[in-house]
Amino acid sequence: MEDTLGVVIPDPKTDYHGHLNYGKIYVWLLILFAVSLTSAFLFSHVAAIATVFVIAIIQAGLIARNFMHLKFEPVLIWIIAIAAVFCLVMFLYGMYIDITPVTREIAK
């Protein structure tokens, strides 16, 4: 169904995607959380930190995809979300100098 400007209006009768299995998603989030906690005991410090960050990105993707219903949205919404994450990464890259610790010997 389209309006007079050619914008597609969703039809609730045909666009229903059903209920998601939120319990299954919650179990996956708990499993990933447990893996990130145990990575500190299994790997070196650098590998554990890298593992925790990778798992955090996967968890954020699961939450955005399922709980924010991005799974059923058009591609433009994904492009906007990826652009926002890119802007955040560029901001953090630019602020890296200000947030890294500086020893007193270097600062003098």
Protein backbone atom coordinates (compact mmCIF):
# COMPACT_ATOMS: atom_id res chain seq x y z
CA MET A 1 0.00 0.00 0.00
CA GLU A 2 1.34 3.46 -0.95
CA ASP A 3 0.24 6.98 -0.14
CA THR A 4 0.04 9.82 -2.67
CA LEU A 5 3.79 10.56 -2.39
CA GLY A 6 4.82 6.98 -3.17
CA VAL A 7 5.84 6.13 0.41
CA VAL A 8 5.12 2.51 1.28
CA ILE A 9 2.82 2.25 4.29
CA PRO A 10 3.15 -1.04 6.19
CA ASP A 11 0.05 -3.19 6.24
CA PRO A 12 -0.39 -4.91 9.62
CA LYS A 13 -2.24 -7.83 8.01
CA THR A 14 0.62 -8.81 5.70
CA ASP A 15 3.71 -7.44 7.51
CA TYR A 16 3.29 -9.34 10.78
CA HIS A 17 6.53 -11.17 11.57
CA GLY A 18 5.42 -13.07 14.66
CA HIS A 19 6.84 -13.03 18.16
CA LEU A 20 10.52 -13.61 18.70
CA ASN A 21 11.79 -16.21 21.10
CA TYR A 22 13.20 -13.78 23.67
CA GLY A 23 14.10 -16.60 26.06
CA LYS A 24 16.46 -18.14 23.49
CA ILE A 25 18.12 -14.77 22.91
CA TYR A 26 18.47 -14.26 26.67
CA VAL A 27 20.13 -17.68 27.04
CA TRP A 28 22.61 -16.78 24.26
CA LEU A 29 23.38 -13.51 26.02
CA LEU A 30 24.03 -15.38 29.28
CA ILE A 31 26.28 -17.90 27.53
CA LEU A 32 28.30 -15.11 25.93
CA PHE A 33 28.51 -13.35 29.30
CA ALA A 34 29.84 -16.53 30.92
CA VAL A 35 32.43 -16.94 28.16
CA SER A 36 33.61 -13.37 28.64
CA LEU A 37 33.95 -13.92 32.40
CA THR A 38 35.89 -17.15 32.06
CA SER A 39 38.18 -15.74 29.36
CA ALA A 40 40.12 -13.91 32.08
CA PHE A 41 41.09 -17.25 33.61
CA LEU A 42 41.79 -19.06 30.33
CA PHE A 43 43.77 -16.56 28.27
CA SER A 44 46.47 -13.96 28.76
CA HIS A 45 45.46 -10.41 29.66
CA VAL A 46 45.60 -9.10 26.12
CA ALA A 47 43.68 -12.04 24.68
CA ALA A 48 41.10 -11.84 27.46
CA ILE A 49 40.50 -8.14 26.84
CA ALA A 50 40.19 -8.76 23.10
CA THR A 51 37.78 -11.64 23.75
CA VAL A 52 35.64 -9.52 26.07
CA PHE A 53 35.40 -6.71 23.51
CA VAL A 54 34.54 -9.07 20.65
CA ILE A 55 31.85 -10.74 22.76
CA ALA A 56 30.50 -7.32 23.77
CA ILE A 57 30.15 -6.39 20.10
CA ILE A 58 28.33 -9.67 19.42
CA GLN A 59 26.00 -9.06 22.38
CA ALA A 60 25.27 -5.52 21.22
CA GLY A 61 24.45 -6.87 17.78
CA LEU A 62 22.09 -9.46 19.26
CA ILE A 63 20.33 -6.84 21.34
CA ALA A 64 20.02 -4.35 18.48
CA ARG A 65 18.87 -7.00 16.03
CA ASN A 66 16.28 -8.70 18.22
CA PHE A 67 15.17 -6.44 21.06
CA MET A 68 15.19 -3.25 18.96
CA HIS A 69 13.58 -5.17 16.05
CA LEU A 70 16.22 -4.06 13.54
CA LYS A 71 15.93 -7.52 12.06
CA PHE A 72 12.68 -6.50 10.36
CA GLU A 73 13.68 -2.97 9.34
CA PRO A 74 14.79 -1.85 5.89
CA VAL A 75 18.44 -1.55 4.93
CA LEU A 76 18.47 2.23 5.47
CA ILE A 77 18.07 1.75 9.24
CA TRP A 78 21.15 -0.51 9.23
CA ILE A 79 23.12 2.06 7.26
CA ILE A 80 22.20 4.75 9.79
CA ALA A 81 23.16 2.49 12.72
CA ILE A 82 26.51 1.58 11.16
CA ALA A 83 27.21 5.27 10.41
CA ALA A 84 26.53 6.12 14.07
CA VAL A 85 28.93 3.42 15.25
CA PHE A 86 31.54 4.66 12.75
CA CYS A 87 31.19 8.22 14.13
CA LEU A 88 31.62 6.86 17.68
CA VAL A 89 34.77 4.98 16.69
CA MET A 90 36.22 8.06 15.00
CA PHE A 91 35.41 10.14 18.10
CA LEU A 92 37.16 7.64 20.37
CA TYR A 93 40.12 7.48 17.99
CA GLY A 94 40.42 11.27 18.13
CA MET A 95 40.17 11.28 21.93
CA TYR A 96 42.74 8.49 22.37
CA ILE A 97 45.51 10.97 23.19
CA ASP A 98 43.45 12.52 25.97
CA ILE A 99 42.35 9.27 27.61
CA THR A 100 45.67 7.41 27.65
CA PRO A 101 47.73 7.66 30.84
CA VAL A 102 50.86 9.79 30.77
CA THR A 103 53.70 9.11 33.20
CA ARG A 104 55.17 12.00 35.17
CA GLU A 105 58.61 11.63 33.62
CA ILE A 106 57.22 12.23 30.15
CA ALA A 107 55.01 15.09 31.30
CA LYS A 108 57.94 17.11 32.78
